[in-house]
Each structure stands twice: as C-alpha cells, then as structure tokens.
C-alpha cells in the first residue's frame, strides 16, 4: 500500500510534468503565432494608404455633381414650378 508521502511525491511529479507540457505548448503556440503574423505585420507596416487617390476620387465626384447640378438646375426648377402651378390650378 502506498504511504501518504509516496502519494504526495506522485502528485508532485504529475504536476511538474503537466506544467512542463503546458509551458512547452505555450512556447510552441507563441512561436507559431509569431511566425504566422510576421507577414501580416510586414504588410501592414509597409502599407502607407492611398490618401491622394481617395482625395482625387472625392474631388472628381464633387466636380461631376456640381457640373450636372449646374446644367440640370434650371430644368428641375421649371419642372417643380410647373408641378406646383398645376397643383394650385386643381384647387
């Protein structure tokens, strides 16, 4: 029959072995994550963004809307005025 001291030694050995496995697993997991995320970190650090491109898109869109509105404004005003006049004539 095992004595209490032998049981405590067995539990301590088991706990030490479990801790070694856990530390080994954590070390391998950390190395794996570092290895997998390194290309992503490099890509993100090299990415400067395309701010001038977005500024150009916004300016061109604003220019097109302004040009179309300038051309269409008199016609839209006439259509609205005719519609309101027609509505006043119904009453």
Protein backbone atom coordinates (compact mmCIF):
# COMPACT_ATOMS: atom_id res chain seq x y z
CA UNK A 1 0.00 0.00 0.00
CA UNK A 2 1.22 3.49 -0.78
CA UNK A 3 2.04 5.81 2.00
CA UNK A 4 0.91 9.40 2.10
CA UNK A 5 4.44 10.55 1.30
CA UNK A 6 4.58 8.40 -1.85
CA UNK A 7 1.21 9.75 -2.98
CA UNK A 8 2.38 13.33 -2.46
CA UNK A 9 5.55 12.61 -4.46
CA UNK A 10 3.47 11.08 -7.27
CA UNK A 11 1.15 14.09 -7.33
CA UNK A 12 4.13 16.44 -7.37
CA UNK A 13 5.74 14.55 -10.28
CA UNK A 14 2.47 14.59 -12.18
CA UNK A 15 2.01 18.33 -11.54
CA UNK A 16 5.57 19.11 -12.63
CA UNK A 17 5.17 17.08 -15.80
CA UNK A 18 1.84 18.79 -16.57
CA UNK A 19 3.41 22.21 -16.05
CA UNK A 20 6.32 21.31 -18.36
CA UNK A 21 3.89 20.19 -21.07
CA UNK A 22 1.84 23.34 -20.63
CA UNK A 23 4.90 25.60 -20.86
CA UNK A 24 6.15 23.68 -23.89
CA UNK A 25 2.77 24.03 -25.56
CA UNK A 26 2.59 27.76 -24.80
CA UNK A 27 6.11 28.27 -26.16
CA UNK A 28 5.26 26.41 -29.38
CA UNK A 29 1.94 28.27 -29.74
CA UNK A 30 3.67 31.62 -29.27
CA UNK A 31 6.31 30.71 -31.87
CA UNK A 32 3.59 29.58 -34.30
CA UNK A 33 1.57 32.78 -33.87
CA UNK A 34 4.69 34.92 -34.27
CA UNK A 35 5.63 33.01 -37.43
CA UNK A 36 2.13 33.34 -38.90
CA UNK A 37 1.62 37.01 -38.09
CA UNK A 38 5.05 38.18 -39.25
CA UNK A 39 3.99 38.55 -42.92
CA UNK A 40 0.87 40.43 -41.81
CA UNK A 41 2.93 42.79 -39.63
CA UNK A 42 5.29 43.42 -42.54
CA UNK A 43 2.41 44.09 -44.92
CA UNK A 44 0.72 46.47 -42.51
CA UNK A 45 3.91 48.36 -41.74
CA UNK A 46 4.65 48.76 -45.46
CA UNK A 47 1.11 49.93 -46.23
CA UNK A 48 1.02 53.69 -46.40
CA UNK A 49 -2.52 54.00 -47.72
CA UNK A 50 -3.78 55.68 -50.85
CA UNK A 51 -4.84 59.04 -49.46
CA UNK A 52 -4.07 61.01 -52.66
CA UNK A 53 -6.21 58.54 -54.62
CA UNK A 54 -9.18 58.98 -52.29
CA UNK A 55 -8.80 62.75 -52.36
CA UNK A 56 -8.84 62.62 -56.16
CA UNK A 57 -11.98 60.44 -56.17
CA UNK A 58 -13.79 62.81 -53.79
CA UNK A 59 -12.80 65.89 -55.80
CA UNK A 60 -13.81 64.33 -59.10
CA UNK A 61 -17.17 63.21 -57.68
CA UNK A 62 -17.81 66.67 -56.28
CA UNK A 63 -16.91 68.22 -59.64
CA UNK A 64 -19.23 65.90 -61.54
CA UNK A 65 -22.15 66.51 -59.17
CA UNK A 66 -21.61 70.28 -59.37
CA UNK A 67 -21.43 70.20 -63.19
CA UNK A 68 -24.54 68.06 -63.54
CA UNK A 69 -26.44 70.15 -60.98
CA UNK A 70 -25.47 73.37 -62.79
CA UNK A 71 -26.80 72.01 -66.08
CA UNK A 72 -29.92 70.39 -64.62
CA UNK A 73 -30.90 73.08 -62.07
CA UNK A 74 -32.89 75.32 -64.46
CA UNK A 75 -34.83 72.36 -65.85
CA UNK A 76 -35.50 70.93 -62.38
CA UNK A 77 -36.67 74.35 -61.20
CA UNK A 78 -39.01 74.63 -64.19
CA UNK A 79 -40.42 71.14 -63.60
CA UNK A 80 -41.03 71.91 -59.93
CA UNK A 81 -42.62 75.27 -60.69
CA UNK A 82 -44.93 73.74 -63.34
CA UNK A 83 -45.94 70.96 -60.94
CA UNK A 84 -46.77 73.43 -58.15
CA UNK A 85 -48.67 75.67 -60.53
CA UNK A 86 -50.64 72.65 -61.76
CA UNK A 87 -51.43 71.69 -58.16
CA UNK A 88 -52.65 75.26 -57.42
CA UNK A 89 -54.88 75.10 -60.52
CA UNK A 90 -56.59 71.93 -59.24
CA UNK A 91 -57.92 73.68 -56.16
